[in-house]
Every structure is written in structure tokens, then in C-alpha cells.
Amino acid sequence: MESEASGGNVPAPGTGIRVFILDDHELVRRGLQDLLESEGFVVVGMSGSAAEAVRRIPALRPDVAVLDARLPDGTGIEVCRDVRSVDPMLNCVILTSYDDEEALRGAVLAGASGYVLKEIGGMDLTGALRRAARGESLFSADLKARVIQGLAKPARADPKLASLTPQELRVLELVGEGLTNRQIGERMQLAEKTVKNYVSSLLAKLGFERRTQAAVHVAYNAGHGQ
């Protein structure tokens, strides 16, 4: 029923680009499979489950994974983040029916190669997947810059925070809102352990010992013109 294959995620000479398809609708999976195989791609696996995809994609190591944005047990963005934490060389394209700015931001931060609407034409999709399989980003440099700028904006006015990365600034903002590491992870679509590492790093950079000190710092600056 599903095509299984093994090997690296670099196409061998004379072979098709290897693709994994994640979508919870079987008709969509089969439609994508037919389209891609008619264009010379090799579909190495398909799934309708985020949890299954997280297990199978790193093992199959496709040249590109096509991930549905919304699934019954998760999101394509979470799958992208999780599989790339195992193998950063994996290329993922988020395929969605929704033009959602928050999800677009999440896709950029998860390391996706692109965020493509399902209404895209077949030839445009195959072209995009070929680019992604070569390791190219489908996001413009300007878009990535706007995403990072948006994350940094809340704390930019405070000179003491200049040493923090955009991700740390965003985590600090959410600490100031009183969110736990788990809640911050859900908001930013990051693993809880990753959030803990960001919190430890930003506390060290700011010279704080406890997150409550950071929360007070954020509240103070918010009340003084931030």
C-alpha cells in the first residue's frame, strides 16, 4: 500500500527525487502521489498521522517531505521541527489550505523550506519541491527578516537586551506574561527542553538567577514606555 525505501537524502544520479507525503486525507495523498510520480518523483512513504511521520521520516530520509499543516494529532510544523531536530539536513515543505500568518511564522522558525497553499498549480508544486530537495529556501530573504524582526520588536528598546537573540527575546516576553516553559513551547512550537535552554541562556546573559526576576524586568520596562 505504501512505498518503502531506504537510503540517503541526496538523489543518486539518474534517480528521481524521493518524497514523503503527510496528509490526513487519503484522496489527497493518492492525488499527490499520482502527480509526483507522473513527474518522475519517487514516493518513498505516506502517512495520515503526525506521530507516525515523526517516526518514519528520519528513517526513510526523503529528499523532501510534504507535510500537511493541520492533522488530527498535530501539525506539519511540529513534524518539521521534530524530524529536523533528529536530522537538520531533512527538507520539509508545509502544504496548507490556510493562509495563516502565525503558521507561516512557525514554519520559518521550524526550519521548513517553504509554506505552500494547496491551491498551487501542479507544475508550480513540483518545481517548488525540486528546489526544496536541492536545499533551497522557498521563503524570500525579506520574509525571513520580517519574521525575525517581529519576534525582536517587543524588547528592542531596552539596551540591556541587546545581547539576546530574537528567539530569546520572544521567550523573555512570554516569561513576562507568566507562561510556563510548556506553555511557551506550545506558543512558539518548540520542545519544552529547548525553551528551558533559552530561559537558562537569557537569564545568564541578563545576570538573573530566577525567571521571576526576568518577569519583573519585563513588567518594569513595559511600564516605562516599552
C-alpha atoms as a PDB file:
ATOM      1  CA  MET A   1       0.000   0.000   0.000  1.00  0.00           C
ATOM      2  CA  GLU A   2       2.799   2.397   0.927  1.00  0.00           C
ATOM      3  CA  SER A   3       6.134   2.597  -0.819  1.00  0.00           C
ATOM      4  CA  GLU A   4       9.059   1.876   1.483  1.00  0.00           C
ATOM      5  CA  ALA A   5      12.665   2.652   0.657  1.00  0.00           C
ATOM      6  CA  SER A   6      15.944   3.367   2.362  1.00  0.00           C
ATOM      7  CA  GLY A   7      18.986   5.417   1.593  1.00  0.00           C
ATOM      8  CA  GLY A   8      20.383   8.923   1.967  1.00  0.00           C
ATOM      9  CA  ASN A   9      18.565  12.159   1.309  1.00  0.00           C
ATOM     10  CA  VAL A  10      20.654  13.112  -1.721  1.00  0.00           C
ATOM     11  CA  PRO A  11      19.293  11.809  -5.021  1.00  0.00           C
ATOM     12  CA  ALA A  12      21.598   9.347  -6.734  1.00  0.00           C
ATOM     13  CA  PRO A  13      22.460  10.104 -10.360  1.00  0.00           C
ATOM     14  CA  GLY A  14      19.656   9.085 -12.686  1.00  0.00           C
ATOM     15  CA  THR A  15      17.097   8.574  -9.898  1.00  0.00           C
ATOM     16  CA  GLY A  16      14.014  10.597  -9.040  1.00  0.00           C
ATOM     17  CA  ILE A  17      13.639  12.918  -6.090  1.00  0.00           C
ATOM     18  CA  ARG A  18      12.476  10.926  -3.074  1.00  0.00           C
ATOM     19  CA  VAL A  19       9.373  12.298  -1.346  1.00  0.00           C
ATOM     20  CA  PHE A  20       7.400  11.528   1.812  1.00  0.00           C
ATOM     21  CA  ILE A  21       3.758  12.667   1.885  1.00  0.00           C
ATOM     22  CA  LEU A  22       1.914  13.507   5.125  1.00  0.00           C
ATOM     23  CA  ASP A  23      -1.786  14.326   4.819  1.00  0.00           C
ATOM     24  CA  ASP A  24      -4.760  13.033   6.800  1.00  0.00           C
ATOM     25  CA  HIS A  25      -6.935  12.683   3.673  1.00  0.00           C
ATOM     26  CA  GLU A  26      -6.209   9.536   1.676  1.00  0.00           C
ATOM     27  CA  LEU A  27      -7.533  11.060  -1.562  1.00  0.00           C
ATOM     28  CA  VAL A  28      -5.112  13.970  -1.186  1.00  0.00           C
ATOM     29  CA  ARG A  29      -2.217  11.593  -0.526  1.00  0.00           C
ATOM     30  CA  ARG A  30      -3.086   9.484  -3.557  1.00  0.00           C
ATOM     31  CA  GLY A  31      -3.576  12.570  -5.723  1.00  0.00           C
ATOM     32  CA  LEU A  32      -0.183  13.945  -4.723  1.00  0.00           C
ATOM     33  CA  GLN A  33       1.416  10.553  -5.278  1.00  0.00           C
ATOM     34  CA  ASP A  34      -0.032  10.298  -8.797  1.00  0.00           C
ATOM     35  CA  LEU A  35       1.051  13.852  -9.647  1.00  0.00           C
ATOM     36  CA  LEU A  36       4.572  13.450  -8.323  1.00  0.00           C
ATOM     37  CA  GLU A  37       5.195  10.014  -9.794  1.00  0.00           C
ATOM     38  CA  SER A  38       3.990  11.237 -13.185  1.00  0.00           C
ATOM     39  CA  GLU A  39       6.737  13.876 -12.967  1.00  0.00           C
ATOM     40  CA  GLY A  40       9.489  11.409 -12.098  1.00  0.00           C
ATOM     41  CA  PHE A  41       9.452  11.734  -8.294  1.00  0.00           C
ATOM     42  CA  VAL A  42       9.702   8.616  -6.131  1.00  0.00           C
ATOM     43  CA  VAL A  43       7.210   8.486  -3.252  1.00  0.00           C
ATOM     44  CA  VAL A  44       9.036   6.553  -0.518  1.00  0.00           C
ATOM     45  CA  GLY A  45       6.289   6.760   2.089  1.00  0.00           C
ATOM     46  CA  MET A  46       2.924   8.228   3.001  1.00  0.00           C
ATOM     47  CA  SER A  47       1.060   8.746   6.251  1.00  0.00           C
ATOM     48  CA  GLY A  48      -2.027  10.421   7.677  1.00  0.00           C
ATOM     49  CA  SER A  49      -0.577  10.673  11.199  1.00  0.00           C
ATOM     50  CA  ALA A  50       1.860  13.238  12.583  1.00  0.00           C
ATOM     51  CA  ALA A  51       3.200  10.761  15.162  1.00  0.00           C
ATOM     52  CA  GLU A  52       3.842   8.108  12.519  1.00  0.00           C
ATOM     53  CA  ALA A  53       5.511  10.633  10.227  1.00  0.00           C
ATOM     54  CA  VAL A  54       7.879  11.734  13.008  1.00  0.00           C
ATOM     55  CA  ARG A  55       8.975   8.093  13.398  1.00  0.00           C
ATOM     56  CA  ARG A  56       9.279   7.251   9.713  1.00  0.00           C
ATOM     57  CA  ILE A  57      10.718  10.346   8.029  1.00  0.00           C
ATOM     58  CA  PRO A  58      14.155  10.301   9.736  1.00  0.00           C
ATOM     59  CA  ALA A  59      14.475   6.591   8.927  1.00  0.00           C
ATOM     60  CA  LEU A  60      13.461   6.972   5.269  1.00  0.00           C
ATOM     61  CA  ARG A  61      15.444  10.201   4.795  1.00  0.00           C
ATOM     62  CA  PRO A  62      13.492  11.524   1.786  1.00  0.00           C
ATOM     63  CA  ASP A  63      14.932  14.367  -0.278  1.00  0.00           C
ATOM     64  CA  VAL A  64      11.848  16.387   0.682  1.00  0.00           C
ATOM     65  CA  ALA A  65       8.847  15.791   2.955  1.00  0.00           C
ATOM     66  CA  VAL A  66       5.475  17.322   2.030  1.00  0.00           C
ATOM     67  CA  LEU A  67       3.650  17.986   5.311  1.00  0.00           C
ATOM     68  CA  ASP A  68       0.003  18.928   5.760  1.00  0.00           C
ATOM     69  CA  ALA A  69      -0.244  21.904   8.127  1.00  0.00           C
ATOM     70  CA  ARG A  70      -3.210  20.602  10.136  1.00  0.00           C
ATOM     71  CA  LEU A  71      -3.619  16.991  11.264  1.00  0.00           C
ATOM     72  CA  PRO A  72      -5.809  15.228  13.840  1.00  0.00           C
ATOM     73  CA  ASP A  73      -2.806  14.505  16.092  1.00  0.00           C
ATOM     74  CA  GLY A  74      -0.625  17.542  15.463  1.00  0.00           C
ATOM     75  CA  THR A  75       0.659  19.897  12.780  1.00  0.00           C
ATOM     76  CA  GLY A  76       3.064  19.676   9.881  1.00  0.00           C
ATOM     77  CA  ILE A  77       5.076  22.449  11.523  1.00  0.00           C
ATOM     78  CA  GLU A  78       5.572  20.317  14.636  1.00  0.00           C
ATOM     79  CA  VAL A  79       6.562  17.350  12.476  1.00  0.00           C
ATOM     80  CA  CYS A  80       9.057  19.541  10.595  1.00  0.00           C
ATOM     81  CA  ARG A  81      10.580  20.772  13.844  1.00  0.00           C
ATOM     82  CA  ASP A  82      10.770  17.276  15.334  1.00  0.00           C
ATOM     83  CA  VAL A  83      12.304  15.495  12.333  1.00  0.00           C
ATOM     84  CA  ARG A  84      14.819  18.294  11.756  1.00  0.00           C
ATOM     85  CA  SER A  85      15.873  18.060  15.394  1.00  0.00           C
ATOM     86  CA  VAL A  86      16.861  14.463  14.538  1.00  0.00           C
ATOM     87  CA  ASP A  87      18.354  15.276  11.110  1.00  0.00           C
ATOM     88  CA  PRO A  88      18.817  19.003  10.259  1.00  0.00           C
ATOM     89  CA  MET A  89      19.506  18.040   6.623  1.00  0.00           C
ATOM     90  CA  LEU A  90      15.878  16.989   6.069  1.00  0.00           C
ATOM     91  CA  ASN A  91      13.962  19.337   3.767  1.00  0.00           C
ATOM     92  CA  CYS A  92      10.297  19.942   4.593  1.00  0.00           C
ATOM     93  CA  VAL A  93       7.583  21.840   2.743  1.00  0.00           C
ATOM     94  CA  ILE A  94       4.377  22.730   4.602  1.00  0.00           C
ATOM     95  CA  LEU A  95       1.292  22.274   2.414  1.00  0.00           C
ATOM     96  CA  THR A  96      -1.829  24.016   3.715  1.00  0.00           C
ATOM     97  CA  SER A  97      -5.306  25.214   2.797  1.00  0.00           C
ATOM     98  CA  TYR A  98      -4.976  28.220   5.114  1.00  0.00           C
ATOM     99  CA  ASP A  99      -3.060  31.454   4.555  1.00  0.00           C
ATOM    100  CA  ASP A 100      -2.201  31.869   8.242  1.00  0.00           C
ATOM    101  CA  GLU A 101       0.470  34.416   9.201  1.00  0.00           C
ATOM    102  CA  GLU A 102       1.117  32.792  12.585  1.00  0.00           C
ATOM    103  CA  ALA A 103       1.569  29.393  10.946  1.00  0.00           C
ATOM    104  CA  LEU A 104       3.831  30.953   8.314  1.00  0.00           C
ATOM    105  CA  ARG A 105       5.987  32.353  11.100  1.00  0.00           C
ATOM    106  CA  GLY A 106       6.013  28.941  12.772  1.00  0.00           C
ATOM    107  CA  ALA A 107       7.115  27.294   9.539  1.00  0.00           C
ATOM    108  CA  VAL A 108      10.069  29.669   9.197  1.00  0.00           C
ATOM    109  CA  LEU A 109      11.108  29.087  12.814  1.00  0.00           C
ATOM    110  CA  ALA A 110      10.746  25.296  12.468  1.00  0.00           C
ATOM    111  CA  GLY A 111      13.259  25.343   9.611  1.00  0.00           C
ATOM    112  CA  ALA A 112      10.812  24.469   6.836  1.00  0.00           C
ATOM    113  CA  SER A 113      11.979  25.019   3.269  1.00  0.00           C
ATOM    114  CA  GLY A 114       8.639  26.531   2.312  1.00  0.00           C
ATOM    115  CA  TYR A 115       4.954  27.112   3.108  1.00  0.00           C
ATOM    116  CA  VAL A 116       2.734  26.395   0.130  1.00  0.00           C
ATOM    117  CA  LEU A 117      -1.032  26.768  -0.312  1.00  0.00           C
ATOM    118  CA  LYS A 118      -2.870  23.685  -1.618  1.00  0.00           C
ATOM    119  CA  GLU A 119      -4.385  25.791  -4.391  1.00  0.00           C
ATOM    120  CA  ILE A 120      -0.945  25.914  -6.039  1.00  0.00           C
ATOM    121  CA  GLY A 121      -0.801  24.504  -9.570  1.00  0.00           C
ATOM    122  CA  GLY A 122       0.679  21.062 -10.069  1.00  0.00           C
ATOM    123  CA  MET A 123       3.688  22.246 -12.061  1.00  0.00           C
ATOM    124  CA  ASP A 124       4.352  25.039  -9.571  1.00  0.00           C
ATOM    125  CA  LEU A 125       4.292  22.483  -6.761  1.00  0.00           C
ATOM    126  CA  THR A 126       6.689  20.087  -8.439  1.00  0.00           C
ATOM    127  CA  GLY A 127       9.015  22.986  -9.210  1.00  0.00           C
ATOM    128  CA  ALA A 128       8.902  24.091  -5.588  1.00  0.00           C
ATOM    129  CA  LEU A 129       9.647  20.559  -4.369  1.00  0.00           C
ATOM    130  CA  ARG A 130      12.609  20.254  -6.729  1.00  0.00           C
ATOM    131  CA  ARG A 131      14.033  23.482  -5.298  1.00  0.00           C
ATOM    132  CA  ALA A 132      13.419  22.322  -1.724  1.00  0.00           C
ATOM    133  CA  ALA A 133      15.062  18.943  -2.446  1.00  0.00           C
ATOM    134  CA  ARG A 134      18.181  20.851  -3.561  1.00  0.00           C
ATOM    135  CA  GLY A 135      18.231  22.584  -0.195  1.00  0.00           C
ATOM    136  CA  GLU A 136      16.886  25.901  -1.473  1.00  0.00           C
ATOM    137  CA  SER A 137      14.529  28.013   0.646  1.00  0.00           C
ATOM    138  CA  LEU A 138      11.166  28.931  -0.841  1.00  0.00           C
ATOM    139  CA  PHE A 139      10.946  31.822   1.613  1.00  0.00           C
ATOM    140  CA  SER A 140      12.278  35.172   0.471  1.00  0.00           C
ATOM    141  CA  ALA A 141      15.075  36.740   2.498  1.00  0.00           C
ATOM    142  CA  ASP A 142      12.750  39.704   3.113  1.00  0.00           C
ATOM    143  CA  LEU A 143      10.068  37.450   4.621  1.00  0.00           C
ATOM    144  CA  LYS A 144      12.558  35.769   6.945  1.00  0.00           C
ATOM    145  CA  ALA A 145      13.834  39.176   8.032  1.00  0.00           C
ATOM    146  CA  ARG A 146      10.278  40.354   8.799  1.00  0.00           C
ATOM    147  CA  VAL A 147       9.627  37.250  10.894  1.00  0.00           C
ATOM    148  CA  ILE A 148      12.771  37.764  12.962  1.00  0.00           C
ATOM    149  CA  GLN A 149      12.070  41.499  13.249  1.00  0.00           C
ATOM    150  CA  GLY A 150       8.567  40.790  14.513  1.00  0.00           C
ATOM    151  CA  LEU A 151       9.927  38.468  17.196  1.00  0.00           C
ATOM    152  CA  ALA A 152      12.503  41.004  18.338  1.00  0.00           C
ATOM    153  CA  LYS A 153      10.230  44.048  18.362  1.00  0.00           C
ATOM    154  CA  PRO A 154       8.742  43.727  21.906  1.00  0.00           C
ATOM    155  CA  ALA A 155      12.068  44.153  23.712  1.00  0.00           C
ATOM    156  CA  ARG A 156      14.174  46.079  21.231  1.00  0.00           C
ATOM    157  CA  ALA A 157      14.020  49.428  23.058  1.00  0.00           C
ATOM    158  CA  ASP A 158      15.859  48.145  26.141  1.00  0.00           C
ATOM    159  CA  PRO A 159      19.644  48.396  25.564  1.00  0.00           C
ATOM    160  CA  LYS A 160      20.266  45.740  28.244  1.00  0.00           C
ATOM    161  CA  LEU A 161      18.652  43.167  25.973  1.00  0.00           C
ATOM    162  CA  ALA A 162      20.969  43.756  23.011  1.00  0.00           C
ATOM    163  CA  SER A 163      22.863  40.523  23.727  1.00  0.00           C
ATOM    164  CA  LEU A 164      19.745  38.366  23.380  1.00  0.00           C
ATOM    165  CA  THR A 165      18.852  36.539  20.188  1.00  0.00           C
ATOM    166  CA  PRO A 166      15.411  37.071  18.603  1.00  0.00           C
ATOM    167  CA  GLN A 167      14.253  33.722  19.987  1.00  0.00           C
ATOM    168  CA  GLU A 168      15.456  34.611  23.486  1.00  0.00           C
ATOM    169  CA  LEU A 169      13.686  37.969  23.276  1.00  0.00           C
ATOM    170  CA  ARG A 170      10.436  36.226  22.360  1.00  0.00           C
ATOM    171  CA  VAL A 171      10.861  33.716  25.197  1.00  0.00           C
ATOM    172  CA  LEU A 172      11.563  36.587  27.612  1.00  0.00           C
ATOM    173  CA  GLU A 173       8.382  38.348  26.529  1.00  0.00           C
ATOM    174  CA  LEU A 174       6.348  35.216  27.241  1.00  0.00           C
ATOM    175  CA  VAL A 175       8.091  34.701  30.597  1.00  0.00           C
ATOM    176  CA  GLY A 176       6.914  38.225  31.389  1.00  0.00           C
ATOM    177  CA  GLU A 177       3.353  37.108  30.628  1.00  0.00           C
ATOM    178  CA  GLY A 178       3.722  34.428  33.291  1.00  0.00           C
ATOM    179  CA  LEU A 179       3.777  31.442  30.935  1.00  0.00           C
ATOM    180  CA  THR A 180       5.450  28.181  31.932  1.00  0.00           C
ATOM    181  CA  ASN A 181       8.110  26.552  29.765  1.00  0.00           C
ATOM    182  CA  ARG A 182       5.496  24.098  28.480  1.00  0.00           C
ATOM    183  CA  GLN A 183       3.092  26.921  27.590  1.00  0.00           C
ATOM    184  CA  ILE A 184       5.882  28.885  25.889  1.00  0.00           C
ATOM    185  CA  GLY A 185       6.810  25.771  23.922  1.00  0.00           C
ATOM    186  CA  GLU A 186       3.213  25.393  22.748  1.00  0.00           C
ATOM    187  CA  ARG A 187       3.009  29.071  21.797  1.00  0.00           C
ATOM    188  CA  MET A 188       6.299  29.050  19.881  1.00  0.00           C
ATOM    189  CA  GLN A 189       6.043  25.449  18.660  1.00  0.00           C
ATOM    190  CA  LEU A 190       9.263  24.440  20.383  1.00  0.00           C
ATOM    191  CA  ALA A 191      10.151  21.478  22.579  1.00  0.00           C
ATOM    192  CA  GLU A 192       9.895  22.192  26.319  1.00  0.00           C
ATOM    193  CA  LYS A 193      13.577  21.280  26.760  1.00  0.00           C
ATOM    194  CA  THR A 194      14.507  23.836  24.069  1.00  0.00           C
ATOM    195  CA  VAL A 195      12.544  26.539  25.895  1.00  0.00           C
ATOM    196  CA  LYS A 196      14.313  25.630  29.154  1.00  0.00           C
ATOM    197  CA  ASN A 197      17.659  26.092  27.402  1.00  0.00           C
ATOM    198  CA  TYR A 198      16.581  29.509  26.053  1.00  0.00           C
ATOM    199  CA  VAL A 199      15.451  30.598  29.526  1.00  0.00           C
ATOM    200  CA  SER A 200      18.740  29.500  31.098  1.00  0.00           C
ATOM    201  CA  SER A 201      20.698  31.342  28.401  1.00  0.00           C
ATOM    202  CA  LEU A 202      18.789  34.612  28.657  1.00  0.00           C
ATOM    203  CA  LEU A 203      18.944  34.602  32.469  1.00  0.00           C
ATOM    204  CA  ALA A 204      22.708  34.137  32.293  1.00  0.00           C
ATOM    205  CA  LYS A 205      23.082  36.960  29.768  1.00  0.00           C
ATOM    206  CA  LEU A 206      20.964  39.332  31.863  1.00  0.00           C
ATOM    207  CA  GLY A 207      22.646  38.384  35.147  1.00  0.00           C
ATOM    208  CA  PHE A 208      19.472  36.977  36.721  1.00  0.00           C
ATOM    209  CA  GLU A 209      19.232  33.834  38.832  1.00  0.00           C
ATOM    210  CA  ARG A 210      15.453  33.269  38.657  1.00  0.00           C
ATOM    211  CA  ARG A 211      12.801  33.646  35.969  1.00  0.00           C
ATOM    212  CA  THR A 212      10.744  35.803  38.359  1.00  0.00           C
ATOM    213  CA  GLN A 213      13.479  38.433  38.128  1.00  0.00           C
ATOM    214  CA  ALA A 214      13.178  38.348  34.357  1.00  0.00           C
ATOM    215  CA  ALA A 215       9.387  38.669  34.572  1.00  0.00           C
ATOM    216  CA  VAL A 216       9.727  41.718  36.828  1.00  0.00           C
ATOM    217  CA  HIS A 217      12.273  43.191  34.422  1.00  0.00           C
ATOM    218  CA  VAL A 218       9.836  42.813  31.520  1.00  0.00           C
ATOM    219  CA  ALA A 219       6.969  44.313  33.547  1.00  0.00           C
ATOM    220  CA  TYR A 220       9.138  47.261  34.607  1.00  0.00           C
ATOM    221  CA  ASN A 221      10.124  48.095  31.066  1.00  0.00           C
ATOM    222  CA  ALA A 222       6.530  47.696  29.883  1.00  0.00           C
ATOM    223  CA  GLY A 223       5.525  50.314  32.423  1.00  0.00           C
ATOM    224  CA  HIS A 224       8.250  52.707  31.313  1.00  0.00           C
ATOM    225  CA  GLY A 225       7.473  53.239  27.689  1.00  0.00           C
ATOM    226  CA  GLN A 226       8.279  49.823  26.152  1.00  0.00           C
END
